[in-house]
Structures are given as C-alpha cells and as structure tokens.
Amino acid sequence: MKAQCSTESIDLRVIDFNFTPEQIYSLIEEAINEYKVTLDKIASQTRPTFENTIVPLARWYNDTTPQTIALSLQFFHPDEQIRNASADADNRFMNSIIEGYMRLDVYKAVRYVYDDQEEMMALSPEDERLVKTIERQFRQNGLQISSEKRAMLSQAKKRLIELEDTYAIRTANYSHVLFTWEELDGVPENDIAGMAIEIEDGVEKYAVLTSPNVYNRIMKYAKREETRKRLYIACSKESMKNIPYIQEAVELRLEIANLLGYESHAESVFEGRMVKSANEIIGMYDNLRQRLSKHIDAEMDRLTGAKKADMLAEGREYEGFFEWDYYFYNFSTSRKKKTKFELEGSQYFPIIEMGCKLIDIFEGILGLYIIPAQEPNVWHPDVEMFEVWEADESEFIGHLYLDLYSRTGKREPFTTYGVRRGYQRRDGSREYPAVVVNASFPKPTEEKPTRLSFNNLTMLMSLFGQAFATLCESVKWKDLIATEFEFHIVPGEVMSHWISEPMVLKQLGSHYLTGDAIPEEWIDELNKDETEISPGELLIPITFDLHDLLIHSATDKSVDVKQVYFDLCKQVPFMNNNNTGLFHLITHRHIMSCYDTGMYVYLWTAIIAEDIYCSRFRKDGIYNRKTGREFRNEILRPAGSRSAFVSLERFLGRQPNTEAFYKKKFR
C-alpha cells in the first residue's frame, strides 16, 4: 500500500452514509413508484422487444444504487433508528419486487422477447443471459401455468413455508442430557464450565445440550463410549420426530416442481445453477467415493485397533465400531502435536497491522494500487476507508472499507457487504463498487493488543478475498452480478489459500513487541503439516449431501426420506449405528431452508478452489503478474455475466476437476 496518489481530477463518487430514517423511506418509495411505472409501460407494449421490455426493467434495477446503499445500513450502522428504518424499508422494497414478478401482463411481454428467436440470436451473450435470467424469475412463480394450477401452487408454497418455519423453531429448541463430571471425562473444562448444572437423585450433573455444536464437541472429546452413545441416541430421537416434516416438505417440493412443469424438485433448482443436473454432482461424488474406498480398510484398522486397545485396558469386551465412536477415535488417533506456529503464532499478527498488510498482499497479487482515502466518509470512527486503483493509476476501481472491531448493532460478526456494485451506468461508464469488510475482533488497546490466531487470520484473508472479488467485478447489468449458486464463495476461498504461501506469511508476520520476523522453522513446520483428512471426514458429509440430492431428485412421492438415508449409511462403515433404527439428521437443518438440494456447495467450493489455487497460483508463483491479471479478468471481472464454467475454462485452460483436492488430502 503506497502513500498517496494525485487523482484530484477524477470524480470518485464517494458515498455519503449520513441518512435519516425519513430519507431512507423516501428513497425506497421513490424506487417503488418508479418500478410500478416501469412495469406498467412494459405491460402496455404492443410489440415487446429487448429494448422496450428487458432494458427498462434491468435499467431500473441498475439505477437503485442509492437504495442499495441505504438498505445496507441495517447491517452495520451504529444508530439503532437508522438500522431499524433500513431493515423495514428493505422489507417494503423486496415485497414490491416480489409483487412485480407476479404480474402476468409483464411476464407475457418478457416471454414474447424470450420466444423471439431472431432477436435472441442477435443479442450479445450477456444480454441473452439477462433475458433468460429475468424470464426464469417470472416463470418459476408459476406465470406460465393456468390460473387453477397457480392457485394450487400458491397453496403448496404457503404450506411449505409453514413446514420450514415450524421445523426451524423445533430444531432451535434443544433438549439436554444429564451427565456427571466423571461421565464427561476428556471433555475440555471450558466446555463443561458453560453447561447448566442440575441435581438428579441427589447427584450434581451437567446439562449437555443436543445442539450440533455441543454434540460435535462431546463426540470428539468424551472418552466414555456410553456417554457418546447416550448423546447420539438422544439427538437421533429428536431427529426422528422431525422426519414427518422433512418427508412432507420433500413431497411438497416435488408437487411444486410438477406444477411448474419439471419432473423433480432438483430439476427446477438446477436450471439456474452452474451445474445443470443433480446427476453431475452425484457422479462426481461416486467417483470420489470410489477413490476413497482404497483408504477405508486402513482407516478402519486404525480406528478399530484403537477402540479394541481401550476395551482391553478397561477389561471390556469389544462389541464393534459405531457412529458414536468415529469422531472420538478419528481425533484421538490422528491428533498431531501442535506446531509452534499454532501455539505462539498470534504474537506475530497484531490486528492493528493486519488490515494494511493484507491490502499490500492483494495489491501485489492482483495488480492494484491502494491508498487511504484522504477525507474518509464513514459511519463510525473505527472504520478505515481506502481507494483502489489499477496499478498504473490509469483507472479507478472502487472503495474498500474496513470495519474490523466489535460494536453493538452489527448484524453479522464476520462477512462482507457490497454496498455498491460494479455495473455499466446509463452514460456507459463503470459504476465504482464499494465494499465493507466487516469483522468483530476486540478493539486493541495499549494494555491489551488484539492478536489474531492463524485460523482468525485465514478467515480475515477469506473476507478480503470476497471483498476484492466484488471490487473487481464489471458487468453491464446489475441483475447479472451474482454468480451461480455454487460459485459465489469460490473466489474468496481461492484467495484465502494465499496465506499458506511462505512468502505471504513472511510479509504478514512480525512480532507485535520486537518486530522480529516469523522464524523460518515455524513456517517450514506449518507447511509440512498441511491438512490431510481421513476418508471418513469426507465420506460422512458426502453421505449427507447425497441424501439431500437423492430425495430431491425423486420423480414420485413414494420416496422414503428415512430409507434413502439408511441405504446410504450401509455403504459407509463409519456410520454404523448398531441397528438402533435411529435416524441422525441433526446436521440436516439446511435441507429445510434455502440450501435444499444445495448441501453439496461446501465440498464443491473446496474442490474448485483447490484446483484453481494449485493449478495456477502455486504452479506459476503467487506473485506472478500474468496469473494475477488473468484471475481478475477471467474469474473476478465477469462475475455472473457468463457461466462460471466458461470463466474457469478460460483461466485453467480446461474444465475443473478433483485431482488437486484429492492429492492434497490423500497424498
């Protein structure tokens, strides 16, 4: 990050975040009224075309940047009245958009353009993608079906929302299981200290919640099998009670898909995604499972050997290896001695220096020039504002805001907010993106400097990656900024990989007291300790993902949610539940929310990001200017204006694959 830049002659369109509640509501009402006028004009067209139908709708959305800024204040503004007004206005704004996409007269005009093959063929690829995106948004509201079917669709959607809301409430209310101190042997004292204490039969016991986080900790640390088994059974019984809700939801989603003309729910969902069929993901997982199968016998020998040794030491008979055993023995038998870096590394990463040092990293790799704003306009004194330019200062890119310290009123602790996006304005110029990196680290003081663990630093690096992905985007239509569902966090994940590079670590780290560099041997030790995982750590989430895909790929309502799960578990030796007949779905909340038919995205993201990082950045060199420039031009700049597969093929020179991920995890 350099010191200053002579750029006074350029209008940087600095955002003014000083809004009153009245101004927020006025802006939203103005946009809503203009939206209604735009829709009425579109509906009145006697000969709909791209220019008189699609362009006005897309330009209206492009022009809502002031509203987008005002609506972003609900997430981080320090004034509660402003946050509340922003959130309330957001609801009004979104409801008006939803109502607009339910207008049949407007859809008829949009569909006319969509069906005009001569005009569609004459459009640029980005304009054609815009038409298809808008048409799909209308169509999936049921506007292409009869009024009778539309009424059935409305009822099915209402019931599905009721089910999802009920499920969310039920799964948020956790029960508990009581254990004595002795029964929790092995569980960290800090975990136990946070548990409520109850007296049962005159004995003091600890209430262990059936929440996923607590469950995972107990399964990982509790030495007594009976403790793990009891908690497993308690959680599974809670899951069993929710099966009817999941079953009905799956059937309703199929009904909705059929009404819309799809054979399955998965088919309707994948139409707008990067991957166009659930079978593609299932095929990828089948291939991965086959490759993992050669590691399973050795894995089971390691795990069962450890359990048998424990049983022998306790004078108990070995009865088998079960699902409640996996996390404990996988952790205890593969536990590595913590590296010096993990134990003492935070002293080299004081938060007060990390923002500027991370900026230097991204500046160098992506070919940018970043300077502090001379007269920052921010919403809180802790916020830092930066200008982002091309490295040769030939073009302004956008504004970066760092809001890194905890504060009352922040909606999310760690995320990014694109308060203004990079699209083409009416005059043909590019709108300058503005993005907030939002974190909630303790604010440092002279007496107590805030230092980041390596994990926290990696998380912050990922947030910076997401921010720079937003800053570098440049599309014609704001409607096309969002990438496909599977790709939206891939760029940030790729950029978080940079932190594992020795050159980057040396640039970031210096002792907070002495200024000394990170010892070379620590970095060497960290790189030798690169993450390897056991087959079970992949096969178990793959099983959950496949369950999600299979139940939503069904073409008739006879699919049995529970039986599909049991059939999948039989193929994974780590998921043996000793024929208890219990169904452990505590980790499946996602399939009753917006991630139904989408749980695969986490592993998919890791696979694609590893491929990009290893195939280009690690191979070419982290500071290779050509690689950084191509990453910006082919991955970040297009955003959602074209298929992510096109972007990946242009950057990688081929379609992505699982090779890099597999080799790293099982080398």
Foldseek 3Di string as FASTA:
>chain_A
DDADDPDVVDDQVADFLDDDLVRLLVLLVVLLVLLVVLLVQLLPDPQAECVNQLVSNLQSVQPSLVNLLQLVCLFPFQDPNSVVSSPVSVVVNVVSVVVSLQDLSSLVSLVSHLPPVVRLVVDDLLSNVSSVVSNLSSLLQPSVADPVLNVVLVVLVVVLVVLLVVVVVLLVDWFWDWDAPVQQPFQDPVLQVPFDWDADPNGITTTQTLAPVSLLRSLATGPDLVSLLVSQVVLLVSVVVSQVSLLSSLQSLLSSCVSSPHLFSQQSQLVQFLDNGLVVVVVQLVVVVVVQVVQQVVVVCQQVVVVCVVCVVVVHDDDAAALSNPNHSQCVRPPDDDFPCQVPVQLFAFPVQQVVLLVVLLCLQQQKDKYWDPDHNDSDPQKTKMWIAHNVNPGTQAMEIEAAAADPSRPDAFAKDFSGAWAAHPVRDTNHIYMYGHHHFHPADPVGTTTDRPVRSLSSQLRVQLVVLRSLAHYHGPSQQAAGPLCNSLRSLLRSVVCLDPVSQQSRTARPPPRHTDDPVSSVVVNVPQAAHRSCVVLVLSLLLVLLSVSRVDSHSPDRSQVSSVVSLVVPSSHHHPPPSGDNCSVVSLCSDPCRNNSCSVVSSVQQSLQLNVQQPVVPDSSDNVLSNLCSVLPRHHRRSDNNQRSSCSNNVHGGGRVRVCVSRPD
